[in-house]
Amino acid sequence: MTDQVQIPEDDEISLLDLLQTIVDNLRLLVLGPLAVGIAALGISFLIPPTYTAKTQFLPPQQQQSAAAGLLQSLGSLGGLAGAAAGIKNPADQYTAYMKSNAVEDALIERFKLLERYEMKLKLDTRKELEQRTVIRIGKDGLISVEFDDKDPKFAAEVANAYVEELRNVLGRLAVTEAQQRRLFFEKQLIQAKNNLTEAERALKATGISDSVLKSSPASAVAAVASIKAQITAQEVKIGAMRSYLAETAPDFKLAMSELANLRAQLIRQDTAQTEAPSASDRAGQGDYISRYRDFKYHESLFELFTKQLEIARVDEAREGALIQVLDAAQPPERKSKPKKAQIAIIATLATGFALLLFVFIRQALRNGAKDDETAGKLAQLNASWRKALGKA
């Protein structure tokens, strides 16, 4: 029962000892932090002021384009074009763009930050630039860019330059639906053009000219087929006449003249050709219908891709001014750093805590020196410490 009463007495004595220690060192605990706080306040006046310029802009918004309905009519083709599109959170992506090396290196070159920050490596300059820049996404969807510098005008220029360089990066990348559709149809159009050229070359081998084909392809096919049939019949007729007529006979000369006229008509059907079709061309004239069908297929596909490419370009042009600056950065009128009052308060509180800890430890050491057992442990600790430092 005596032991149970003794514990609270020891605790009460310990609390009184702590209070006594504070009272004994009250002047140090009050004047010390106060002196450090005043000194920190004075030093803060010597720190060059820092100005923070801020710009806010609305990031590009994903919107339903005019081609969305048309892509639906393309079936699987439209699905291919739309599969690559779609950005779930554009704001996060555009923030990442502004923190990319592409934007930072552009700013370094533009404002000669290597010389301004006295750096030798771009890597160190990027770190310095990142330390001075704060990019945030607000709950309202706006992206803000804050930049710190000793020159308020320069701070505003760099903050605005972030938005300008972001526009440049977006101009080189396909991040919107319209841009991705444009790239898709550009690639498909090149392939369709090559296929159309091959089909057109194969069709030209049948003796159908481009001009006639565009004006009346059906009649062109019929006309060419009729002339070629007449030429074949006339050649057979002349071959038969050679058996019973001399080449100087009037009927033979008339048949040769008719053959020459038919061949001239065939040449006129294809103004691009300067001579009659070769033997290899005549060998492929029997499949001109299938070639014409292939040609029309590739031509239709080419026209379809051309229209879709133009629509994508229109949508992309409409989205050209996607980044809308709400508040352009202006040279700040007031400095943002250093915050003198905050520096003084933090220095005062930190010094007060450190001194309080110091006086408690010092008093504990003094009390321990009065106890033989504690004094022995302290002596042994001191000897071990000196030995570790090589002073033993």
Protein backbone atom coordinates (compact mmCIF):
# COMPACT_ATOMS: atom_id res chain seq x y z
CA MET A 1 0.00 0.00 0.00
CA THR A 2 2.94 2.26 0.72
CA ASP A 3 4.34 1.65 -2.78
CA GLN A 4 1.04 2.66 -4.40
CA VAL A 5 1.14 5.98 -2.56
CA GLN A 6 4.80 6.53 -3.40
CA ILE A 7 4.33 6.48 -7.22
CA PRO A 8 2.04 9.53 -7.42
CA GLU A 9 4.40 11.36 -5.00
CA ASP A 10 7.31 10.65 -7.36
CA ASP A 11 5.24 11.85 -10.32
CA GLU A 12 4.27 15.00 -8.47
CA ILE A 13 7.89 15.70 -7.58
CA SER A 14 8.92 15.13 -11.24
CA LEU A 15 6.35 17.62 -12.48
CA LEU A 16 7.44 20.13 -9.93
CA ASP A 17 11.03 19.59 -10.98
CA LEU A 18 10.13 20.30 -14.59
CA LEU A 19 8.27 23.43 -13.62
CA GLN A 20 11.18 24.52 -11.45
CA THR A 21 13.57 23.99 -14.37
CA ILE A 22 11.41 26.19 -16.60
CA VAL A 23 11.22 28.94 -13.98
CA ASP A 24 14.97 28.82 -13.39
CA ASN A 25 15.63 29.28 -17.11
CA LEU A 26 12.68 31.57 -17.81
CA ARG A 27 14.85 34.46 -18.99
CA LEU A 28 16.67 32.22 -21.48
CA LEU A 29 13.44 30.65 -22.68
CA VAL A 30 11.83 34.05 -23.27
CA LEU A 31 14.65 36.30 -24.41
CA GLY A 32 16.38 33.64 -26.54
CA PRO A 33 13.49 32.95 -28.94
CA LEU A 34 12.57 36.63 -28.97
CA ALA A 35 16.11 37.60 -30.00
CA VAL A 36 16.22 34.94 -32.71
CA GLY A 37 12.80 36.02 -34.02
CA ILE A 38 13.91 39.64 -34.23
CA ALA A 39 17.14 38.58 -35.95
CA ALA A 40 15.20 36.45 -38.45
CA LEU A 41 12.90 39.36 -39.14
CA GLY A 42 15.89 41.59 -39.81
CA ILE A 43 17.53 39.00 -42.06
CA SER A 44 14.30 38.61 -44.05
CA PHE A 45 14.66 42.26 -45.12
CA LEU A 46 17.98 41.34 -46.73
CA ILE A 47 16.46 38.52 -48.81
CA PRO A 48 15.67 39.68 -52.38
CA PRO A 49 11.90 39.74 -52.95
CA THR A 50 10.32 37.08 -55.14
CA TYR A 51 7.32 37.79 -57.35
CA THR A 52 4.78 35.19 -58.45
CA ALA A 53 3.00 35.62 -61.77
CA LYS A 54 -0.11 33.53 -62.43
CA THR A 55 -2.04 32.67 -65.57
CA GLN A 56 -5.22 30.62 -65.86
CA PHE A 57 -6.60 28.95 -68.96
CA LEU A 58 -9.32 26.54 -69.99
CA PRO A 59 -7.83 23.31 -71.36
CA PRO A 60 -9.02 21.83 -74.66
CA GLN A 61 -12.40 20.21 -74.33
CA GLN A 62 -13.37 16.98 -76.03
CA GLN A 63 -16.51 17.71 -77.99
CA GLN A 64 -18.77 15.92 -80.44
CA SER A 65 -17.49 16.82 -83.87
CA ALA A 66 -19.46 17.26 -87.06
CA ALA A 67 -17.96 14.06 -88.41
CA ALA A 68 -19.22 11.87 -85.58
CA GLY A 69 -22.47 11.10 -87.37
CA LEU A 70 -20.72 10.50 -90.66
CA LEU A 71 -18.28 8.12 -89.02
CA GLN A 72 -21.25 6.08 -87.86
CA SER A 73 -22.23 5.56 -91.49
CA LEU A 74 -18.80 4.17 -92.28
CA GLY A 75 -19.39 1.08 -90.17
CA SER A 76 -16.16 -0.70 -89.35
CA LEU A 77 -14.17 2.01 -91.11
CA GLY A 78 -15.53 4.66 -88.79
CA GLY A 79 -14.84 2.37 -85.84
CA LEU A 80 -11.18 2.22 -86.78
CA ALA A 81 -10.94 5.97 -86.93
CA GLY A 82 -12.77 6.49 -83.67
CA ALA A 83 -11.03 3.73 -81.75
CA ALA A 84 -7.89 5.77 -81.35
CA ALA A 85 -9.78 8.84 -80.21
CA GLY A 86 -11.03 9.70 -76.76
CA ILE A 87 -9.13 11.24 -73.87
CA LYS A 88 -10.69 10.61 -70.48
CA ASN A 89 -9.08 13.48 -68.56
CA PRO A 90 -7.57 16.12 -70.86
CA ALA A 91 -6.58 18.43 -67.99
CA ASP A 92 -4.19 15.87 -66.49
CA GLN A 93 -2.70 15.18 -69.88
CA TYR A 94 -2.13 18.85 -70.70
CA THR A 95 -0.57 19.38 -67.29
CA ALA A 96 1.84 16.54 -68.07
CA TYR A 97 2.64 18.20 -71.40
CA MET A 98 3.66 21.42 -69.65
CA LYS A 99 5.94 19.43 -67.33
CA SER A 100 7.53 17.56 -70.23
CA ASN A 101 11.09 18.07 -71.42
CA ALA A 102 9.78 19.38 -74.74
CA VAL A 103 8.12 22.39 -73.12
CA GLU A 104 10.83 22.95 -70.52
CA ASP A 105 13.63 22.80 -73.10
CA ALA A 106 11.74 25.26 -75.29
CA LEU A 107 11.49 27.67 -72.36
CA ILE A 108 15.17 27.20 -71.54
CA GLU A 109 16.16 28.07 -75.09
CA ARG A 110 13.65 30.88 -75.40
CA PHE A 111 14.67 32.74 -72.24
CA LYS A 112 18.31 31.59 -72.12
CA LEU A 113 17.83 30.13 -68.65
CA LEU A 114 21.22 28.39 -68.68
CA GLU A 115 22.92 31.78 -68.50
CA ARG A 116 20.28 33.33 -66.25
CA TYR A 117 20.54 30.62 -63.59
CA GLU A 118 24.28 30.10 -64.20
CA MET A 119 23.86 26.40 -64.97
CA LYS A 120 26.05 24.18 -67.13
CA LEU A 121 23.60 21.35 -67.73
CA LYS A 122 20.05 21.42 -69.00
CA LEU A 123 19.14 18.79 -66.42
CA ASP A 124 19.97 21.16 -63.56
CA THR A 125 18.20 24.02 -65.33
CA ARG A 126 15.06 21.92 -65.67
CA LYS A 127 15.10 21.20 -61.94
CA GLU A 128 15.48 24.91 -61.17
CA LEU A 129 12.62 25.70 -63.54
CA GLU A 130 10.41 23.07 -61.91
CA GLN A 131 11.16 24.44 -58.44
CA ARG A 132 10.01 27.88 -59.55
CA THR A 133 6.85 26.62 -61.30
CA VAL A 134 3.59 25.41 -59.81
CA ILE A 135 0.95 23.93 -62.13
CA ARG A 136 -2.45 23.13 -60.63
CA ILE A 137 -5.81 21.85 -61.83
CA GLY A 138 -8.70 23.58 -60.09
CA LYS A 139 -12.01 22.03 -59.17
CA ASP A 140 -13.58 24.35 -61.75
CA GLY A 141 -11.55 22.66 -64.51
CA LEU A 142 -9.16 25.58 -65.02
CA ILE A 143 -5.40 25.01 -65.19
CA SER A 144 -3.24 27.60 -63.43
CA VAL A 145 0.45 28.20 -63.94
CA GLU A 146 2.44 30.12 -61.31
CA PHE A 147 6.05 31.12 -61.81
CA ASP A 148 8.42 32.74 -59.28
CA ASP A 149 11.20 35.15 -60.13
CA LYS A 150 12.90 38.22 -58.75
CA ASP A 151 11.82 40.20 -61.82
CA PRO A 152 8.01 40.60 -61.92
CA LYS A 153 7.99 41.24 -65.67
CA PHE A 154 10.08 38.16 -66.40
CA ALA A 155 7.84 36.05 -64.15
CA ALA A 156 4.79 37.09 -66.17
CA GLU A 157 6.54 36.38 -69.47
CA VAL A 158 7.51 32.85 -68.44
CA ALA A 159 4.04 32.05 -67.08
CA ASN A 160 2.45 33.13 -70.37
CA ALA A 161 5.13 31.30 -72.34
CA TYR A 162 4.06 28.02 -70.75
CA VAL A 163 0.68 28.35 -72.48
CA GLU A 164 2.29 29.35 -75.78
CA GLU A 165 4.68 26.40 -75.75
CA LEU A 166 1.79 24.10 -74.88
CA ARG A 167 0.04 25.31 -78.04
CA ASN A 168 3.17 24.54 -80.04
CA VAL A 169 3.36 21.02 -78.63
CA LEU A 170 -0.32 20.38 -79.35
CA GLY A 171 0.28 21.58 -82.91
CA ARG A 172 2.80 18.77 -83.36
CA LEU A 173 0.78 16.07 -81.63
CA ALA A 174 -2.56 14.50 -82.43
CA VAL A 175 -4.40 14.63 -79.12
CA THR A 176 -7.92 15.59 -80.12
CA GLU A 177 -10.43 13.41 -81.93
CA ALA A 178 -10.27 15.58 -85.04
CA GLN A 179 -6.49 15.44 -85.14
CA GLN A 180 -6.45 11.68 -84.77
CA ARG A 181 -9.08 11.29 -87.47
CA ARG A 182 -7.06 13.55 -89.73
CA LEU A 183 -3.95 11.42 -89.31
CA PHE A 184 -5.95 8.25 -89.86
CA PHE A 185 -7.57 9.45 -93.08
CA GLU A 186 -4.31 10.93 -94.35
CA LYS A 187 -2.68 7.50 -94.14
CA GLN A 188 -5.70 5.80 -95.66
CA LEU A 189 -5.89 8.38 -98.43
CA ILE A 190 -2.29 7.76 -99.41
CA GLN A 191 -2.93 4.03 -99.62
CA ALA A 192 -6.18 4.55 -101.54
CA LYS A 193 -4.41 6.86 -103.96
CA ASN A 194 -1.74 4.27 -104.66
CA ASN A 195 -4.38 1.59 -105.22
CA LEU A 196 -6.33 3.92 -107.50
CA THR A 197 -3.23 4.64 -109.53
CA GLU A 198 -2.59 0.94 -109.99
CA ALA A 199 -6.22 0.31 -111.00
CA GLU A 200 -6.14 3.26 -113.38
CA ARG A 201 -2.93 1.99 -114.96
CA ALA A 202 -4.46 -1.44 -115.40
CA LEU A 203 -7.62 0.09 -116.89
CA LYS A 204 -5.63 2.26 -119.28
CA ALA A 205 -4.13 -0.92 -120.70
CA THR A 206 -7.58 -1.72 -122.08
CA GLY A 207 -7.52 1.44 -124.23
CA ILE A 208 -9.81 3.68 -122.16
CA SER A 209 -8.53 7.23 -121.63
CA ASP A 210 -8.87 9.19 -118.40
CA SER A 211 -10.93 11.95 -120.01
CA VAL A 212 -13.38 9.61 -121.68
CA LEU A 213 -13.61 7.49 -118.55
CA LYS A 214 -14.55 10.47 -116.39
CA SER A 215 -17.13 11.82 -118.87
CA SER A 216 -18.91 8.58 -119.74
CA PRO A 217 -17.20 5.41 -118.54
CA ALA A 218 -19.99 3.06 -119.64
CA SER A 219 -20.10 4.41 -123.18
CA ALA A 220 -16.30 4.46 -123.26
CA VAL A 221 -16.16 0.75 -122.52
CA ALA A 222 -18.80 0.02 -125.18
CA ALA A 223 -17.12 2.24 -127.79
CA VAL A 224 -13.70 0.74 -127.28
CA ALA A 225 -15.11 -2.78 -127.41
CA SER A 226 -16.99 -2.00 -130.64
CA ILE A 227 -13.96 -0.48 -132.35
CA LYS A 228 -11.72 -3.33 -131.32
CA ALA A 229 -14.27 -5.82 -132.68
CA GLN A 230 -14.43 -3.95 -135.97
CA ILE A 231 -10.64 -3.91 -136.22
CA THR A 232 -10.46 -7.64 -135.64
CA ALA A 233 -13.14 -8.29 -138.27
CA GLN A 234 -11.42 -6.01 -140.79
CA GLU A 235 -8.06 -7.72 -140.20
CA VAL A 236 -9.69 -11.11 -140.83
CA LYS A 237 -11.34 -9.73 -144.01
CA ILE A 238 -8.06 -8.35 -145.34
CA GLY A 239 -6.32 -11.64 -144.63
CA ALA A 240 -8.92 -13.41 -146.72
CA MET A 241 -8.65 -10.86 -149.61
CA ARG A 242 -4.92 -11.47 -149.87
CA SER A 243 -5.65 -14.95 -151.26
CA TYR A 244 -7.44 -13.71 -154.33
CA LEU A 245 -6.58 -10.01 -154.79
CA ALA A 246 -3.36 -8.17 -155.35
CA GLU A 247 -2.39 -5.38 -152.94
CA THR A 248 -2.78 -2.87 -155.79
CA ALA A 249 -6.43 -3.79 -156.29
CA PRO A 250 -8.94 -1.00 -155.51
CA ASP A 251 -11.01 -3.19 -153.15
CA PHE A 252 -7.89 -4.20 -151.18
CA LYS A 253 -6.75 -0.57 -150.89
CA LEU A 254 -10.23 0.42 -149.67
CA ALA A 255 -10.18 -2.34 -147.00
CA MET A 256 -6.75 -1.17 -145.82
CA SER A 257 -8.02 2.41 -145.64
CA GLU A 258 -11.01 1.32 -143.50
CA LEU A 259 -8.66 -0.56 -141.15
CA ALA A 260 -6.48 2.52 -140.79
CA ASN A 261 -9.55 4.63 -139.96
CA LEU A 262 -10.67 2.17 -137.27
CA ARG A 263 -7.24 2.18 -135.69
CA ALA A 264 -7.22 5.99 -135.74
CA GLN A 265 -10.57 6.03 -133.94
CA LEU A 266 -9.17 3.70 -131.27
CA ILE A 267 -6.18 5.97 -130.76
CA ARG A 268 -8.47 8.99 -130.40
CA GLN A 269 -10.38 7.21 -127.64
CA ASP A 270 -7.24 7.38 -125.54
CA THR A 271 -5.45 10.66 -126.06
CA ALA A 272 -2.81 9.64 -123.52
CA GLN A 273 -1.69 6.82 -125.84
CA THR A 274 0.47 7.73 -128.83
CA GLU A 275 0.39 4.31 -130.44
CA ALA A 276 -1.96 1.40 -130.71
CA PRO A 277 -2.09 -1.03 -127.81
CA SER A 278 0.72 -3.51 -127.70
CA ALA A 279 0.31 -7.27 -127.89
CA SER A 280 0.52 -7.57 -124.12
CA ASP A 281 -2.15 -4.90 -123.76
CA ARG A 282 -4.45 -6.69 -126.20
CA ALA A 283 -3.98 -9.85 -124.17
CA GLY A 284 -5.50 -8.15 -121.16
CA GLN A 285 -8.37 -6.44 -122.93
CA GLY A 286 -10.70 -9.32 -122.23
CA ASP A 287 -10.88 -8.48 -118.51
CA TYR A 288 -11.47 -4.74 -118.89
CA ILE A 289 -14.84 -5.10 -117.16
CA SER A 290 -13.29 -6.45 -113.96
CA ARG A 291 -10.58 -3.82 -114.16
CA TYR A 292 -13.15 -1.13 -114.62
CA ARG A 293 -15.02 -2.46 -111.59
CA ASP A 294 -11.80 -2.37 -109.52
CA PHE A 295 -11.11 1.11 -110.75
CA LYS A 296 -14.54 2.36 -109.70
CA TYR A 297 -14.14 0.71 -106.29
CA HIS A 298 -10.81 2.39 -105.60
CA GLU A 299 -12.09 5.66 -107.01
CA SER A 300 -15.11 5.60 -104.69
CA LEU A 301 -12.91 4.72 -101.73
CA PHE A 302 -10.54 7.53 -102.61
CA GLU A 303 -13.40 10.03 -102.81
CA LEU A 304 -14.75 8.79 -99.47
CA PHE A 305 -11.39 9.23 -97.75
CA THR A 306 -10.99 12.65 -99.33
CA LYS A 307 -14.32 13.84 -97.97
CA GLN A 308 -13.60 12.47 -94.50
CA LEU A 309 -10.17 14.07 -94.49
CA GLU A 310 -11.67 17.44 -95.34
CA ILE A 311 -14.25 17.06 -92.58
CA ALA A 312 -11.50 16.18 -90.10
CA ARG A 313 -9.51 19.23 -91.17
CA VAL A 314 -12.55 21.45 -90.71
CA ASP A 315 -13.10 20.03 -87.21
CA GLU A 316 -9.43 20.48 -86.42
CA ALA A 317 -9.50 24.08 -87.63
CA ARG A 318 -12.57 24.70 -85.48
CA GLU A 319 -10.62 23.34 -82.52
CA GLY A 320 -7.57 25.42 -83.39
CA ALA A 321 -8.15 27.90 -80.56
CA LEU A 322 -8.77 25.19 -78.00
CA ILE A 323 -6.68 26.76 -75.24
CA GLN A 324 -8.66 29.73 -73.99
CA VAL A 325 -6.72 31.96 -71.62
CA LEU A 326 -8.97 33.29 -68.88
CA ASP A 327 -6.41 35.39 -67.01
CA ALA A 328 -3.15 36.18 -68.72
CA ALA A 329 -0.21 36.66 -66.37
CA GLN A 330 0.54 40.27 -65.50
CA PRO A 331 3.66 41.58 -63.71
CA PRO A 332 2.72 41.21 -60.02
CA GLU A 333 2.60 44.42 -58.01
CA ARG A 334 3.36 42.78 -54.66
CA LYS A 335 6.04 40.31 -53.77
CA SER A 336 5.04 36.82 -52.69
CA LYS A 337 8.27 35.94 -50.87
CA PRO A 338 9.78 36.26 -48.36
CA LYS A 339 6.91 36.39 -45.86
CA LYS A 340 8.68 38.28 -43.09
CA ALA A 341 6.10 37.79 -40.33
CA GLN A 342 5.87 34.07 -41.02
CA ILE A 343 9.67 33.72 -40.97
CA ALA A 344 9.91 35.56 -37.64
CA ILE A 345 7.14 33.49 -36.01
CA ILE A 346 8.57 30.16 -37.20
CA ALA A 347 12.08 31.13 -36.06
CA THR A 348 10.77 32.17 -32.63
CA LEU A 349 8.78 28.98 -32.08
CA ALA A 350 11.57 26.71 -33.32
CA THR A 351 14.13 28.43 -31.09
CA GLY A 352 11.82 28.25 -28.06
CA PHE A 353 11.29 24.52 -28.56
CA ALA A 354 15.02 23.90 -29.04
CA LEU A 355 15.95 25.89 -25.89
CA LEU A 356 13.26 24.14 -23.84
CA LEU A 357 14.65 20.77 -24.90
CA PHE A 358 18.14 21.99 -24.12
CA VAL A 359 17.39 23.11 -20.54
CA PHE A 360 15.56 19.84 -19.79
CA ILE A 361 18.48 17.75 -21.01
CA ARG A 362 20.98 19.91 -19.12
CA GLN A 363 18.99 19.65 -15.90
CA ALA A 364 18.66 15.88 -16.34
CA LEU A 365 22.43 15.60 -16.68
CA ARG A 366 22.96 17.68 -13.56
CA ASN A 367 20.53 15.57 -11.57
CA GLY A 368 22.12 12.41 -12.85
CA ALA A 369 25.58 13.54 -11.73
CA LYS A 370 24.37 13.60 -8.13
CA ASP A 371 23.42 9.88 -8.25
CA ASP A 372 26.38 7.50 -8.10
CA GLU A 373 24.85 4.89 -10.36
CA THR A 374 23.75 7.43 -12.97
CA ALA A 375 27.10 9.22 -12.75
CA GLY A 376 28.88 5.93 -13.50
CA LYS A 377 26.73 5.32 -16.53
CA LEU A 378 27.36 8.85 -17.78
CA ALA A 379 31.10 8.44 -17.30
CA GLN A 380 31.05 5.16 -19.20
CA LEU A 381 28.99 6.76 -21.97
CA ASN A 382 31.44 9.68 -22.14
CA ALA A 383 34.39 7.28 -22.38
CA SER A 384 32.74 5.28 -25.16
CA TRP A 385 31.97 8.48 -27.04
CA ARG A 386 35.56 9.70 -26.78
CA LYS A 387 36.81 6.30 -27.92
CA ALA A 388 34.50 6.36 -30.95
CA LEU A 389 35.88 9.79 -31.87
CA GLY A 390 39.44 8.57 -31.45
CA LYS A 391 40.21 10.84 -28.49
CA ALA A 392 40.69 8.09 -25.92
